[in-house]
Amino acid sequence: MDTAMPASETTAAAEDRTVAIVGYLTIIGFIAAIVMHMNRKTQVGAFHLRQVLGLVVTGVAGGICAMVPILGWIVWIVVTLGLIALWLLGLLSALRGDMRPVPILGEHYQRWFAGAFQ
């Protein structure tokens, strides 16, 4: 009994993962992933684009905190280290083709940005 996926499904799954993976690779990769997603919309691509958008927004908020001397710098360092860990977990999920949200904030990102990348 052959349980292999047909070639068209395998190609589609690879394209889904490509958008998800590229989205995590710098801000230019995020923009490129949005363009790729506009050409062929997928659930996996949209899911990970929302995750990356949330990470970017959180990073910007942490950067704004850095404007406050001492306490703001401490908050910025903690947020940055946390975002690196969340980014890595999101990238690993994209590499597997999973739609697993990043811990703590991932479900919120999906809810907050539900209208994005449909």
Protein backbone atom coordinates (compact mmCIF):
# COMPACT_ATOMS: atom_id res chain seq x y z
CA MET A 1 0.00 0.00 0.00
CA ASP A 2 1.51 3.30 -1.11
CA THR A 3 0.98 6.12 1.43
CA ALA A 4 3.12 8.71 -0.37
CA MET A 5 1.52 12.04 -1.17
CA PRO A 6 0.91 12.89 -4.83
CA ALA A 7 3.53 15.21 -6.35
CA SER A 8 1.11 18.16 -6.49
CA GLU A 9 0.33 17.87 -2.75
CA THR A 10 4.02 17.56 -1.90
CA THR A 11 4.81 20.69 -3.93
CA ALA A 12 1.93 22.59 -2.29
CA ALA A 13 3.13 21.59 1.19
CA ALA A 14 6.66 22.74 0.35
CA GLU A 15 5.32 26.09 -0.90
CA ASP A 16 3.32 26.49 2.32
CA ARG A 17 6.45 25.95 4.38
CA THR A 18 8.53 28.23 2.16
CA VAL A 19 6.31 31.24 2.87
CA ALA A 20 6.34 30.39 6.59
CA ILE A 21 10.12 29.97 6.74
CA VAL A 22 11.02 33.03 4.65
CA GLY A 23 8.81 35.17 6.90
CA TYR A 24 11.13 34.52 9.83
CA LEU A 25 14.28 35.53 7.92
CA THR A 26 14.78 39.27 8.54
CA ILE A 27 12.34 42.05 7.79
CA ILE A 28 13.14 41.77 4.07
CA GLY A 29 12.24 38.08 4.25
CA PHE A 30 8.98 39.02 5.96
CA ILE A 31 8.12 41.41 3.13
CA ALA A 32 9.10 38.79 0.52
CA ALA A 33 6.91 36.22 2.31
CA ILE A 34 3.95 38.62 2.19
CA VAL A 35 4.42 39.01 -1.57
CA MET A 36 4.72 35.24 -1.98
CA HIS A 37 1.60 34.75 0.13
CA MET A 38 -0.38 37.20 -2.00
CA ASN A 39 0.30 35.01 -5.04
CA ARG A 40 -0.77 31.79 -3.34
CA LYS A 41 -2.59 32.10 -0.04
CA THR A 42 -2.27 29.21 2.40
CA GLN A 43 -3.31 28.64 5.99
CA VAL A 44 0.22 27.77 7.10
CA GLY A 45 1.67 30.86 5.43
CA ALA A 46 -0.97 33.16 6.90
CA PHE A 47 -0.55 31.63 10.36
CA HIS A 48 3.21 32.18 10.44
CA LEU A 49 3.00 35.66 8.90
CA ARG A 50 0.72 36.64 11.79
CA GLN A 51 3.22 35.14 14.26
CA VAL A 52 6.10 37.10 12.72
CA LEU A 53 4.03 40.30 12.62
CA GLY A 54 3.35 39.85 16.34
CA LEU A 55 7.04 39.32 17.08
CA VAL A 56 7.92 42.47 15.12
CA VAL A 57 5.30 44.57 16.92
CA THR A 58 6.48 43.22 20.29
CA GLY A 59 10.08 44.02 19.34
CA VAL A 60 9.15 47.59 18.41
CA ALA A 61 7.32 47.99 21.74
CA GLY A 62 10.40 46.68 23.55
CA GLY A 63 12.55 49.13 21.60
CA ILE A 64 10.35 52.00 22.70
CA CYS A 65 10.93 50.91 26.30
CA ALA A 66 14.67 51.27 25.67
CA MET A 67 14.20 55.04 25.49
CA VAL A 68 13.73 55.10 29.26
CA PRO A 69 17.12 55.04 31.01
CA ILE A 70 18.07 52.11 33.25
CA LEU A 71 14.66 50.45 33.81
CA GLY A 72 13.77 50.69 30.12
CA TRP A 73 17.12 49.18 29.16
CA ILE A 74 16.52 46.25 31.48
CA VAL A 75 13.05 45.70 29.99
CA TRP A 76 14.53 45.94 26.48
CA ILE A 77 17.18 43.31 27.24
CA VAL A 78 14.61 40.91 28.72
CA VAL A 79 12.19 41.45 25.82
CA THR A 80 14.97 40.97 23.26
CA LEU A 81 16.17 37.71 24.82
CA GLY A 82 12.58 36.47 25.03
CA LEU A 83 11.89 37.40 21.42
CA ILE A 84 14.98 35.54 20.23
CA ALA A 85 13.69 32.40 21.96
CA LEU A 86 10.17 32.88 20.56
CA TRP A 87 11.57 33.56 17.07
CA LEU A 88 13.56 30.33 17.18
CA LEU A 89 10.52 28.32 18.31
CA GLY A 90 8.40 29.90 15.56
CA LEU A 91 11.05 29.15 12.94
CA LEU A 92 11.26 25.52 14.07
CA SER A 93 7.47 25.24 13.81
CA ALA A 94 7.61 26.70 10.28
CA LEU A 95 10.36 24.28 9.28
CA ARG A 96 8.13 21.38 10.33
CA GLY A 97 5.10 22.92 8.59
CA ASP A 98 3.19 23.02 11.88
CA MET A 99 0.77 25.71 12.91
CA ARG A 100 1.96 25.81 16.51
CA PRO A 101 1.84 29.30 18.07
CA VAL A 102 4.85 30.65 19.90
CA PRO A 103 4.52 30.26 23.69
CA ILE A 104 2.88 32.97 25.80
CA LEU A 105 1.98 35.43 23.02
CA GLY A 106 1.28 33.27 19.95
CA GLU A 107 -2.44 32.78 20.59
CA HIS A 108 -2.78 36.52 21.20
CA TYR A 109 -0.99 37.28 17.91
CA GLN A 110 -3.45 35.06 16.06
CA ARG A 111 -6.41 36.82 17.69
CA TRP A 112 -5.02 40.37 17.40
CA PHE A 113 -4.02 39.98 13.77
CA ALA A 114 -6.86 37.66 12.71
CA GLY A 115 -7.77 39.88 9.75
CA ALA A 116 -4.23 40.02 8.41
CA PHE A 117 -3.01 37.79 5.59
CA GLN A 118 -6.36 36.17 4.79
